[in-house]
Amino acid sequence: MPDKELTCRDCGATFTFTEGEQEFYASKNLSEPQRCKECRAANKAQRQGSRELHDAVCAKCGAQCQVPFKPRPVEEGGKPVLCRECFMAERQ
């Protein structure tokens, strides 16, 4: 498979869809990218930046933290909320 030149649907720039990328996309049954790497990165950053954060208190250490979901009290069927540090420590 030779490299392909594609046109970004957002900015109109031409970008190279390399042979290696084509093989990877084919192995995952993905269609060709429609955006250049820069526009994909900008789109991803915009989606992540718009994520609403909610205030919470860590159930393990008691620290104030923010989480990307609306926490429910344990008494109402919610799960204990952990700050990032406690969450990462439990994952190990």
C-alpha atoms as a PDB file:
ATOM      1  CA  MET A   1       0.000   0.000   0.000  1.00  0.00           C
ATOM      2  CA  PRO A   2       1.542   3.306  -0.996  1.00  0.00           C
ATOM      3  CA  ASP A   3       1.054   6.422   1.132  1.00  0.00           C
ATOM      4  CA  LYS A   4      -2.147   8.368   0.339  1.00  0.00           C
ATOM      5  CA  GLU A   5      -2.671  12.109   0.269  1.00  0.00           C
ATOM      6  CA  LEU A   6      -5.993  13.039   1.896  1.00  0.00           C
ATOM      7  CA  THR A   7      -7.736  16.395   2.352  1.00  0.00           C
ATOM      8  CA  CYS A   8      -8.854  17.489   5.823  1.00  0.00           C
ATOM      9  CA  ARG A   9     -12.585  18.183   5.930  1.00  0.00           C
ATOM     10  CA  ASP A  10     -12.111  20.940   8.549  1.00  0.00           C
ATOM     11  CA  CYS A  11      -9.154  23.017   7.362  1.00  0.00           C
ATOM     12  CA  GLY A  12      -8.772  21.781   3.774  1.00  0.00           C
ATOM     13  CA  ALA A  13      -5.078  20.978   4.208  1.00  0.00           C
ATOM     14  CA  THR A  14      -3.571  17.957   2.509  1.00  0.00           C
ATOM     15  CA  PHE A  15      -2.097  15.335   4.837  1.00  0.00           C
ATOM     16  CA  THR A  16      -0.365  12.003   4.329  1.00  0.00           C
ATOM     17  CA  PHE A  17      -2.094   8.784   5.340  1.00  0.00           C
ATOM     18  CA  THR A  18       0.977   6.545   5.614  1.00  0.00           C
ATOM     19  CA  GLU A  19       1.195   2.895   4.732  1.00  0.00           C
ATOM     20  CA  GLY A  20       1.593   1.991   8.412  1.00  0.00           C
ATOM     21  CA  GLU A  21      -1.461   4.051   9.380  1.00  0.00           C
ATOM     22  CA  GLN A  22      -3.473   2.396   6.605  1.00  0.00           C
ATOM     23  CA  GLU A  23      -2.522  -1.051   7.907  1.00  0.00           C
ATOM     24  CA  PHE A  24      -3.454  -0.077  11.472  1.00  0.00           C
ATOM     25  CA  TYR A  25      -6.819   1.379  10.401  1.00  0.00           C
ATOM     26  CA  ALA A  26      -7.536  -1.724   8.291  1.00  0.00           C
ATOM     27  CA  SER A  27      -6.671  -4.070  11.196  1.00  0.00           C
ATOM     28  CA  LYS A  28      -9.207  -2.213  13.398  1.00  0.00           C
ATOM     29  CA  ASN A  29     -11.852  -2.011  10.617  1.00  0.00           C
ATOM     30  CA  LEU A  30     -11.717   1.794  10.706  1.00  0.00           C
ATOM     31  CA  SER A  31     -12.457   4.071   7.775  1.00  0.00           C
ATOM     32  CA  GLU A  32      -9.874   6.562   6.507  1.00  0.00           C
ATOM     33  CA  PRO A  33      -9.413   9.658   8.692  1.00  0.00           C
ATOM     34  CA  GLN A  34     -11.273  12.729   7.498  1.00  0.00           C
ATOM     35  CA  ARG A  35      -9.255  15.249   9.530  1.00  0.00           C
ATOM     36  CA  CYS A  36      -5.531  16.000   9.693  1.00  0.00           C
ATOM     37  CA  LYS A  37      -3.678  15.258  12.942  1.00  0.00           C
ATOM     38  CA  GLU A  38      -3.800  18.910  14.019  1.00  0.00           C
ATOM     39  CA  CYS A  39      -7.592  19.176  13.568  1.00  0.00           C
ATOM     40  CA  ARG A  40      -8.133  15.817  15.293  1.00  0.00           C
ATOM     41  CA  ALA A  41      -6.054  17.003  18.259  1.00  0.00           C
ATOM     42  CA  ALA A  42      -7.917  20.342  18.399  1.00  0.00           C
ATOM     43  CA  ASN A  43     -11.281  18.557  18.216  1.00  0.00           C
ATOM     44  CA  LYS A  44     -10.276  16.175  21.016  1.00  0.00           C
ATOM     45  CA  ALA A  45      -9.010  19.026  23.224  1.00  0.00           C
ATOM     46  CA  GLN A  46     -12.260  20.915  22.692  1.00  0.00           C
ATOM     47  CA  ARG A  47     -14.343  17.876  23.685  1.00  0.00           C
ATOM     48  CA  GLN A  48     -12.258  17.289  26.804  1.00  0.00           C
ATOM     49  CA  GLY A  49     -12.198  20.961  27.741  1.00  0.00           C
ATOM     50  CA  SER A  50     -15.975  21.140  27.747  1.00  0.00           C
ATOM     51  CA  ARG A  51     -16.295  18.366  30.322  1.00  0.00           C
ATOM     52  CA  GLU A  52     -18.204  19.576  33.362  1.00  0.00           C
ATOM     53  CA  LEU A  53     -16.551  18.872  36.704  1.00  0.00           C
ATOM     54  CA  HIS A  54     -18.382  18.442  40.022  1.00  0.00           C
ATOM     55  CA  ASP A  55     -17.085  19.117  43.526  1.00  0.00           C
ATOM     56  CA  ALA A  56     -16.685  16.102  45.815  1.00  0.00           C
ATOM     57  CA  VAL A  57     -14.916  14.937  48.959  1.00  0.00           C
ATOM     58  CA  CYS A  58     -12.587  11.933  48.788  1.00  0.00           C
ATOM     59  CA  ALA A  59     -14.004   9.031  50.813  1.00  0.00           C
ATOM     60  CA  LYS A  60     -10.508   7.823  51.694  1.00  0.00           C
ATOM     61  CA  CYS A  61      -8.483  10.912  52.644  1.00  0.00           C
ATOM     62  CA  GLY A  62     -11.197  13.582  52.968  1.00  0.00           C
ATOM     63  CA  ALA A  63      -9.594  15.952  50.456  1.00  0.00           C
ATOM     64  CA  GLN A  64     -11.713  18.266  48.309  1.00  0.00           C
ATOM     65  CA  CYS A  65     -11.606  17.176  44.662  1.00  0.00           C
ATOM     66  CA  GLN A  66     -13.449  17.441  41.361  1.00  0.00           C
ATOM     67  CA  VAL A  67     -14.810  14.545  39.345  1.00  0.00           C
ATOM     68  CA  PRO A  68     -16.275  14.347  35.794  1.00  0.00           C
ATOM     69  CA  PHE A  69     -19.586  12.896  37.048  1.00  0.00           C
ATOM     70  CA  LYS A  70     -22.240  14.043  39.489  1.00  0.00           C
ATOM     71  CA  PRO A  71     -21.563  12.067  42.680  1.00  0.00           C
ATOM     72  CA  ARG A  72     -24.496  10.550  44.573  1.00  0.00           C
ATOM     73  CA  PRO A  73     -24.448   9.994  48.314  1.00  0.00           C
ATOM     74  CA  VAL A  74     -23.626   6.418  49.345  1.00  0.00           C
ATOM     75  CA  GLU A  75     -26.924   6.324  51.253  1.00  0.00           C
ATOM     76  CA  GLU A  76     -28.741   6.818  47.925  1.00  0.00           C
ATOM     77  CA  GLY A  77     -26.905   4.011  46.141  1.00  0.00           C
ATOM     78  CA  GLY A  78     -23.879   6.021  45.056  1.00  0.00           C
ATOM     79  CA  LYS A  79     -20.329   4.745  45.247  1.00  0.00           C
ATOM     80  CA  PRO A  80     -17.548   6.296  47.333  1.00  0.00           C
ATOM     81  CA  VAL A  81     -15.666   9.024  45.438  1.00  0.00           C
ATOM     82  CA  LEU A  82     -11.871   9.032  45.493  1.00  0.00           C
ATOM     83  CA  CYS A  83      -9.512  11.900  44.687  1.00  0.00           C
ATOM     84  CA  ARG A  84      -7.046  11.284  41.862  1.00  0.00           C
ATOM     85  CA  GLU A  85      -4.207  10.323  44.217  1.00  0.00           C
ATOM     86  CA  CYS A  86      -6.270   7.792  46.184  1.00  0.00           C
ATOM     87  CA  PHE A  87      -7.814   6.422  42.974  1.00  0.00           C
ATOM     88  CA  MET A  88      -4.383   5.890  41.394  1.00  0.00           C
ATOM     89  CA  ALA A  89      -3.056   4.287  44.608  1.00  0.00           C
ATOM     90  CA  GLU A  90      -5.940   1.786  44.619  1.00  0.00           C
ATOM     91  CA  ARG A  91      -5.369   0.873  40.968  1.00  0.00           C
ATOM     92  CA  GLN A  92      -1.820  -0.330  41.693  1.00  0.00           C
END
